[in-house]
N, C-alpha and C. Protein backbone atom coordinates (compact mmCIF):
# COMPACT_ATOMS: atom_id res chain seq x y z
N UNK A 1 -112.41 13.80 -46.37
CA UNK A 1 -112.59 12.60 -45.73
C UNK A 1 -113.96 11.97 -45.75
N UNK A 2 -114.11 10.81 -46.19
CA UNK A 2 -115.51 10.24 -46.46
C UNK A 2 -116.10 9.89 -45.04
N UNK A 3 -117.36 9.69 -45.14
CA UNK A 3 -118.16 9.50 -43.92
C UNK A 3 -117.75 8.41 -43.11
N UNK A 4 -117.44 7.16 -43.80
CA UNK A 4 -117.16 6.02 -42.97
C UNK A 4 -115.77 6.15 -42.32
N UNK A 5 -114.83 6.76 -42.84
CA UNK A 5 -113.63 7.04 -42.20
C UNK A 5 -113.86 7.96 -40.90
N UNK A 6 -114.60 8.92 -41.08
CA UNK A 6 -114.82 9.91 -40.06
C UNK A 6 -115.68 9.07 -38.84
N UNK A 7 -116.52 8.36 -39.26
CA UNK A 7 -117.27 7.52 -38.18
C UNK A 7 -116.34 6.56 -37.43
N UNK A 8 -115.40 5.94 -38.15
CA UNK A 8 -114.49 5.06 -37.66
C UNK A 8 -113.46 5.85 -36.61
N UNK A 9 -113.16 7.03 -37.06
CA UNK A 9 -112.26 7.92 -36.14
C UNK A 9 -113.11 8.24 -34.77
N UNK A 10 -114.35 8.58 -34.97
CA UNK A 10 -115.09 8.85 -33.75
C UNK A 10 -115.20 7.69 -32.86
N UNK A 11 -115.41 6.46 -33.40
CA UNK A 11 -115.50 5.38 -32.56
C UNK A 11 -114.10 5.07 -31.88
N UNK A 12 -112.99 5.14 -32.57
CA UNK A 12 -111.80 4.96 -32.10
C UNK A 12 -111.58 5.95 -30.99
N UNK A 13 -111.92 7.17 -31.10
CA UNK A 13 -111.74 8.20 -30.21
C UNK A 13 -112.40 7.74 -28.91
N UNK A 14 -113.72 7.46 -29.19
CA UNK A 14 -114.55 7.01 -28.05
C UNK A 14 -114.00 5.81 -27.10
N UNK A 15 -113.36 4.92 -27.94
CA UNK A 15 -112.73 3.70 -27.25
C UNK A 15 -111.56 4.06 -26.41
N UNK A 16 -110.71 4.95 -26.98
CA UNK A 16 -109.59 5.37 -26.27
C UNK A 16 -109.96 6.17 -25.07
N UNK A 17 -110.96 7.01 -25.10
CA UNK A 17 -111.45 7.78 -24.03
C UNK A 17 -112.03 6.71 -22.95
N UNK A 18 -112.81 5.84 -23.51
CA UNK A 18 -113.29 4.82 -22.55
C UNK A 18 -112.17 4.08 -21.74
N UNK A 19 -111.04 3.81 -22.48
CA UNK A 19 -109.87 3.03 -21.81
C UNK A 19 -109.39 3.92 -20.67
N UNK A 20 -109.11 5.18 -20.95
CA UNK A 20 -108.71 6.04 -19.84
C UNK A 20 -109.56 6.24 -18.81
N UNK A 21 -110.90 6.23 -19.01
CA UNK A 21 -111.77 6.38 -17.88
C UNK A 21 -111.70 5.06 -17.11
N UNK A 22 -111.74 3.87 -17.67
CA UNK A 22 -111.69 2.63 -17.08
C UNK A 22 -110.42 2.53 -16.18
N UNK A 23 -109.30 3.06 -16.77
CA UNK A 23 -108.01 2.95 -16.03
C UNK A 23 -108.22 3.71 -14.61
N UNK A 24 -108.79 4.92 -14.82
CA UNK A 24 -108.98 5.76 -13.67
C UNK A 24 -109.75 4.99 -12.58
N UNK A 25 -110.83 4.21 -13.09
CA UNK A 25 -111.61 3.53 -12.03
C UNK A 25 -111.05 2.23 -11.59
N UNK A 26 -110.02 1.81 -12.35
CA UNK A 26 -109.34 0.45 -12.14
C UNK A 26 -110.34 -0.60 -12.36
N UNK A 27 -111.23 -0.62 -13.46
CA UNK A 27 -112.15 -1.60 -13.74
C UNK A 27 -111.79 -2.43 -14.94
N UNK A 28 -112.66 -3.26 -15.35
CA UNK A 28 -112.44 -4.12 -16.48
C UNK A 28 -113.62 -3.70 -17.51
N UNK A 29 -113.31 -3.76 -18.72
CA UNK A 29 -114.29 -3.42 -19.85
C UNK A 29 -114.97 -4.63 -20.35
N UNK A 30 -116.31 -4.68 -20.44
CA UNK A 30 -117.11 -5.58 -21.21
C UNK A 30 -117.88 -4.98 -22.18
N UNK A 31 -117.89 -5.40 -23.46
CA UNK A 31 -118.59 -4.76 -24.45
C UNK A 31 -120.05 -5.25 -24.45
N UNK A 32 -120.96 -4.35 -24.63
CA UNK A 32 -122.36 -4.70 -24.64
C UNK A 32 -122.84 -4.13 -26.00
N UNK A 33 -123.23 -5.13 -26.96
CA UNK A 33 -123.94 -4.50 -28.08
C UNK A 33 -122.77 -3.82 -29.01
N UNK A 34 -123.42 -3.07 -29.91
CA UNK A 34 -122.48 -2.16 -30.87
C UNK A 34 -122.21 -0.86 -30.37
N UNK A 35 -123.06 -0.10 -29.53
CA UNK A 35 -122.84 1.29 -29.20
C UNK A 35 -122.53 1.49 -27.74
N UNK A 36 -122.69 0.42 -26.90
CA UNK A 36 -122.56 0.54 -25.39
C UNK A 36 -121.33 -0.11 -24.92
N UNK A 37 -120.70 0.31 -24.03
CA UNK A 37 -119.76 -0.37 -23.24
C UNK A 37 -120.00 -0.51 -21.79
N UNK A 38 -119.95 -1.70 -21.20
CA UNK A 38 -120.23 -1.89 -19.82
C UNK A 38 -118.81 -2.03 -18.98
N UNK A 39 -118.86 -1.36 -17.93
CA UNK A 39 -117.66 -1.41 -17.23
C UNK A 39 -117.89 -2.16 -15.90
N UNK A 40 -117.22 -3.12 -15.53
CA UNK A 40 -117.32 -3.84 -14.34
C UNK A 40 -116.08 -3.42 -13.27
N UNK A 41 -116.52 -2.75 -12.26
CA UNK A 41 -115.44 -2.38 -11.32
C UNK A 41 -114.95 -3.50 -10.46
N UNK A 42 -113.85 -3.40 -9.96
CA UNK A 42 -113.35 -4.40 -9.05
C UNK A 42 -114.27 -4.79 -7.81
N UNK A 43 -115.03 -3.80 -7.38
CA UNK A 43 -115.79 -4.10 -6.20
C UNK A 43 -117.24 -4.67 -6.62
N UNK A 44 -117.35 -4.97 -7.88
CA UNK A 44 -118.33 -5.79 -8.46
C UNK A 44 -119.57 -5.01 -8.99
N UNK A 45 -119.52 -3.66 -8.58
CA UNK A 45 -120.66 -2.88 -9.08
C UNK A 45 -120.50 -2.67 -10.61
N UNK A 46 -121.81 -2.54 -11.19
CA UNK A 46 -121.67 -2.33 -12.64
C UNK A 46 -121.92 -0.93 -13.06
N UNK A 47 -121.19 -0.48 -14.12
CA UNK A 47 -121.57 0.96 -14.57
C UNK A 47 -121.47 0.79 -16.22
N UNK A 48 -122.50 1.59 -16.65
CA UNK A 48 -122.80 1.38 -18.13
C UNK A 48 -122.49 2.86 -18.80
N UNK A 49 -121.50 2.79 -19.84
CA UNK A 49 -121.19 4.06 -20.47
C UNK A 49 -121.54 3.88 -21.95
N UNK A 50 -122.46 4.79 -22.32
CA UNK A 50 -122.84 4.68 -23.77
C UNK A 50 -122.49 5.91 -24.66
N UNK A 51 -122.08 5.57 -25.83
CA UNK A 51 -121.52 6.61 -26.75
C UNK A 51 -122.50 6.77 -27.81
């Protein structure tokens, strides 16, 4: 498997993981930049998850 495909799989895995985390917290996702994801919880507090 070439490097780009591998990197894509990693990113995909991270996104899926992020989705399940967000579902647990009941928040909404906002994308920040290329490598970080911000999560805004329903109570308004902000949480930053970086991969």
